[in-house]
Amino acid sequence: MLRRVFFASLLASVLASAQEAVPAAAPSAATQPSPVPDDATRVAVLGYHDFSEAQPETEMRMHTSKFRKQMETLRQLGITAISLEDFLAWKRGEKSLPEKCALITLDDGWKSVYTDAYPILKEFGYPFTLYLYKNYVDVGGKSLKGPSDKMMAELRYEVSAAGVAALYRDICGTFMIDEADEMAGGAIEALGVKPVVRPTVMKSVDDKERLARHVLALFRR
């Protein structure tokens, strides 16, 4: 998923025409916003979910060969793949990045992340961010399981509620965990993240609705 804004030039043209037609009063010095420095760096976020060469493509699933081609295209275009840590450090002004970068994210933790995507990413030497549903590990044979533990070990990630919270601590202040992981609450709090314990494994429509209400309640606080 490549997130770009395409309407900037059109919007600029409309605003320019409006300014010519109706002169606007110059803002006072007190209300003028501070200019945002532009270091010429552009970061594209590429989001992926599931992979398969044999199954048909869907909104969530991509053919493995197409994924390989996209990774090859990044290299051919001289686009640098960066880690989430690099991105956050750049946003804080602590690190500079090449002008053309890509942040690769893999969502939900499907088994194909290990069997299909990981070998390609490892071949190209590309870092990536894995957004893992910890509570769905080893559920239904499709989430991360079996040899995926080896991949997580190679990436030096702790596959636990606290380990996943550690990956998110720079971008979230509240982290929902399952009742089965309640004992990890202390370790999560030590990271500066507030744990919220709720039943998160969804086996029915009622389970999904209940979890949705819990999540919405967090935003109303």
Protein backbone atom coordinates (compact mmCIF):
# COMPACT_ATOMS: atom_id res chain seq x y z
CA MET A 1 0.00 0.00 0.00
CA LEU A 2 1.69 3.16 -1.12
CA ARG A 3 0.34 6.23 0.60
CA ARG A 4 0.74 9.42 -1.42
CA VAL A 5 -1.17 12.65 -1.79
CA PHE A 6 -1.97 13.38 -5.41
CA PHE A 7 -4.16 16.47 -5.15
CA ALA A 8 -1.58 18.95 -3.84
CA SER A 9 -0.89 20.67 -7.17
CA LEU A 10 -4.60 20.94 -8.01
CA LEU A 11 -5.35 22.40 -4.60
CA ALA A 12 -2.51 24.90 -5.00
CA SER A 13 -3.92 26.06 -8.33
CA VAL A 14 -7.40 26.57 -6.87
CA LEU A 15 -6.03 28.50 -3.93
CA ALA A 16 -3.90 30.68 -6.22
CA SER A 17 -6.95 31.58 -8.30
CA ALA A 18 -8.97 32.39 -5.19
CA GLN A 19 -6.23 34.62 -3.86
CA GLU A 20 -6.12 36.58 -7.13
CA ALA A 21 -9.88 37.10 -7.08
CA VAL A 22 -10.21 38.06 -3.40
CA PRO A 23 -7.11 39.61 -1.83
CA ALA A 24 -6.67 38.25 1.67
CA ALA A 25 -5.45 40.24 4.60
CA ALA A 26 -1.91 39.41 5.61
CA PRO A 27 -1.86 37.39 8.85
CA SER A 28 -0.30 39.03 11.85
CA ALA A 29 3.12 37.93 12.97
CA ALA A 30 1.55 36.40 16.08
CA THR A 31 -0.64 34.03 14.06
CA GLN A 32 1.87 32.98 11.40
CA PRO A 33 2.84 29.31 11.85
CA SER A 34 6.48 28.40 12.15
CA PRO A 35 7.89 27.05 8.88
CA VAL A 36 8.44 23.29 8.82
CA PRO A 37 11.93 22.47 7.56
CA ASP A 38 12.00 20.21 4.52
CA ASP A 39 15.04 17.95 4.35
CA ALA A 40 13.90 16.60 0.94
CA THR A 41 13.36 13.12 2.39
CA ARG A 42 10.29 11.24 1.16
CA VAL A 43 9.17 8.02 2.88
CA ALA A 44 6.70 5.63 1.23
CA VAL A 45 4.91 3.15 3.52
CA LEU A 46 4.30 -0.23 1.88
CA GLY A 47 1.76 -2.35 3.75
CA TYR A 48 1.26 -6.09 3.15
CA HIS A 49 -0.79 -8.85 4.77
CA ASP A 50 -0.92 -12.35 3.27
CA PHE A 51 1.03 -14.02 0.44
CA SER A 52 0.49 -17.03 -1.81
CA GLU A 53 1.51 -18.06 -5.29
CA ALA A 54 -1.18 -20.74 -5.63
CA GLN A 55 -4.23 -18.99 -4.17
CA PRO A 56 -6.02 -16.14 -5.98
CA GLU A 57 -5.14 -12.56 -5.10
CA THR A 58 -7.53 -10.61 -2.88
CA GLU A 59 -7.47 -7.21 -1.18
CA MET A 60 -5.46 -8.87 1.58
CA ARG A 61 -3.42 -11.44 -0.34
CA MET A 62 -0.69 -10.89 -2.94
CA HIS A 63 1.06 -13.35 -5.23
CA THR A 64 4.53 -14.07 -3.88
CA SER A 65 6.10 -13.46 -7.30
CA LYS A 66 4.57 -9.98 -7.43
CA PHE A 67 5.95 -9.21 -3.99
CA ARG A 68 9.43 -10.26 -5.14
CA LYS A 69 9.10 -8.03 -8.20
CA GLN A 70 8.15 -5.06 -6.04
CA MET A 71 11.15 -5.60 -3.77
CA GLU A 72 13.38 -5.84 -6.85
CA THR A 73 11.88 -2.59 -8.14
CA LEU A 74 12.83 -0.82 -4.91
CA ARG A 75 16.44 -1.82 -5.47
CA GLN A 76 16.40 -0.84 -9.14
CA LEU A 77 15.00 2.61 -8.30
CA GLY A 78 17.55 3.18 -5.57
CA ILE A 79 14.91 3.36 -2.83
CA THR A 80 16.31 2.54 0.60
CA ALA A 81 14.30 0.23 2.85
CA ILE A 82 14.35 1.55 6.42
CA SER A 83 13.27 0.20 9.78
CA LEU A 84 10.54 1.65 11.98
CA GLU A 85 13.26 2.70 14.43
CA ASP A 86 14.98 4.68 11.65
CA PHE A 87 11.69 6.33 10.72
CA LEU A 88 10.82 7.37 14.27
CA ALA A 89 14.33 8.71 14.89
CA TRP A 90 14.03 10.78 11.69
CA LYS A 91 10.64 12.12 12.78
CA ARG A 92 12.19 13.20 16.09
CA GLY A 93 14.98 14.98 14.24
CA GLU A 94 17.60 12.59 15.62
CA LYS A 95 18.62 10.97 12.33
CA SER A 96 18.89 11.83 8.66
CA LEU A 97 17.66 9.51 5.92
CA PRO A 98 18.29 9.19 2.17
CA GLU A 99 15.94 11.23 0.00
CA LYS A 100 14.00 8.16 -1.19
CA CYS A 101 13.00 5.60 1.44
CA ALA A 102 10.40 2.89 1.98
CA LEU A 103 9.04 1.52 5.24
CA ILE A 104 7.85 -2.08 4.76
CA THR A 105 5.11 -3.31 7.09
CA LEU A 106 3.61 -6.80 7.38
CA ASP A 107 0.28 -6.88 9.18
CA ASP A 108 -1.55 -9.56 11.17
CA GLY A 109 1.16 -12.23 11.32
CA TRP A 110 -0.01 -14.73 8.69
CA LYS A 111 2.01 -17.91 8.31
CA SER A 112 2.99 -16.81 4.78
CA VAL A 113 4.98 -13.95 6.30
CA TYR A 114 7.52 -16.62 7.23
CA THR A 115 7.13 -19.05 4.34
CA ASP A 116 6.84 -16.53 1.47
CA ALA A 117 7.78 -12.97 2.38
CA TYR A 118 10.58 -13.43 4.90
CA PRO A 119 12.96 -15.34 2.57
CA ILE A 120 12.62 -12.55 -0.03
CA LEU A 121 13.16 -9.77 2.49
CA LYS A 122 16.14 -11.63 3.92
CA GLU A 123 17.59 -12.08 0.43
CA PHE A 124 17.40 -8.35 -0.28
CA GLY A 125 18.52 -7.42 3.22
CA TYR A 126 15.43 -5.27 3.80
CA PRO A 127 14.30 -4.46 7.34
CA PHE A 128 10.57 -4.63 7.98
CA THR A 129 8.02 -4.05 10.70
CA LEU A 130 5.82 -6.96 11.73
CA TYR A 131 2.49 -5.99 13.31
CA LEU A 132 1.72 -9.20 15.14
CA TYR A 133 -1.55 -10.24 16.76
CA LYS A 134 0.05 -12.03 19.66
CA ASN A 135 -3.19 -13.66 20.79
CA TYR A 136 -3.65 -15.29 17.37
CA VAL A 137 -0.31 -17.06 17.29
CA ASP A 138 -0.93 -20.72 16.44
CA VAL A 139 -4.66 -20.27 15.79
CA GLY A 140 -6.28 -21.98 12.81
CA GLY A 141 -2.96 -22.90 11.21
CA LYS A 142 -2.71 -19.54 9.44
CA SER A 143 -1.12 -17.23 11.95
CA LEU A 144 2.55 -17.43 12.87
CA LYS A 145 3.39 -20.86 14.21
CA GLY A 146 5.97 -23.65 14.12
CA PRO A 147 9.09 -22.45 12.25
CA SER A 148 7.97 -18.85 12.66
CA ASP A 149 9.55 -18.96 16.12
CA LYS A 150 12.86 -19.30 14.33
CA MET A 151 12.18 -16.18 12.28
CA MET A 152 11.29 -14.18 15.37
CA ALA A 153 14.44 -15.41 17.09
CA GLU A 154 16.55 -14.36 14.10
CA LEU A 155 14.98 -10.90 14.28
CA ARG A 156 15.66 -10.83 18.05
CA TYR A 157 12.01 -10.22 18.86
CA GLU A 158 10.39 -11.64 21.97
CA VAL A 159 7.15 -13.35 21.00
CA SER A 160 5.09 -12.41 24.04
CA ALA A 161 2.65 -9.72 25.05
CA ALA A 162 5.47 -7.71 26.62
CA GLY A 163 7.71 -8.27 23.60
CA VAL A 164 5.07 -6.98 21.21
CA ALA A 165 4.35 -4.01 23.50
CA ALA A 166 8.05 -3.14 23.38
CA LEU A 167 7.80 -2.78 19.61
CA TYR A 168 4.89 -0.34 19.94
CA ARG A 169 5.97 1.71 22.94
CA ASP A 170 7.19 4.67 20.87
CA ILE A 171 3.83 5.07 19.13
CA CYS A 172 1.18 4.06 21.67
CA GLY A 173 0.40 4.72 25.31
CA THR A 174 -2.18 1.98 25.87
CA PHE A 175 -1.83 -1.69 24.92
CA MET A 176 -4.68 -4.21 25.11
CA ILE A 177 -3.73 -7.73 26.13
CA ASP A 178 -5.69 -10.91 26.65
CA GLU A 179 -6.67 -12.24 30.07
CA ALA A 180 -4.21 -15.08 29.51
CA ASP A 181 -1.38 -12.52 29.41
CA GLU A 182 -2.43 -10.62 32.53
CA MET A 183 0.80 -11.57 34.28
CA ALA A 184 2.72 -9.57 31.66
CA GLY A 185 1.03 -6.36 32.80
CA GLY A 186 3.89 -5.37 35.10
CA ALA A 187 6.51 -5.79 32.35
CA ILE A 188 4.38 -3.71 29.97
CA GLU A 189 3.93 -0.93 32.54
CA ALA A 190 7.71 -0.88 32.98
CA LEU A 191 7.93 0.11 29.31
CA GLY A 192 5.83 3.21 29.97
CA VAL A 193 2.76 1.66 28.32
CA LYS A 194 -0.57 1.16 30.11
CA PRO A 195 -1.87 -2.43 29.78
CA VAL A 196 -5.61 -3.01 29.47
CA VAL A 197 -6.72 -6.61 30.10
CA ARG A 198 -9.70 -7.87 28.11
CA PRO A 199 -10.76 -11.18 26.48
CA THR A 200 -9.40 -10.70 22.95
CA VAL A 201 -9.68 -14.13 21.28
CA MET A 202 -12.71 -13.90 18.99
CA LYS A 203 -14.53 -17.16 18.31
CA SER A 204 -17.99 -15.78 17.60
CA VAL A 205 -19.80 -12.65 16.43
CA ASP A 206 -20.61 -11.85 20.06
CA ASP A 207 -16.89 -12.01 20.88
CA LYS A 208 -16.13 -9.57 18.06
CA GLU A 209 -18.82 -7.14 19.14
CA ARG A 210 -17.68 -7.27 22.76
CA LEU A 211 -14.06 -6.60 21.82
CA ALA A 212 -15.12 -3.73 19.55
CA ARG A 213 -17.00 -2.13 22.45
CA HIS A 214 -13.92 -2.47 24.66
CA VAL A 215 -11.73 -0.78 22.05
CA LEU A 216 -14.21 2.06 21.46
CA ALA A 217 -14.45 2.61 25.20
CA LEU A 218 -10.71 3.33 25.32
CA PHE A 219 -11.16 6.22 22.89
CA ARG A 220 -13.99 7.71 24.95
CA ARG A 221 -11.88 8.03 28.07
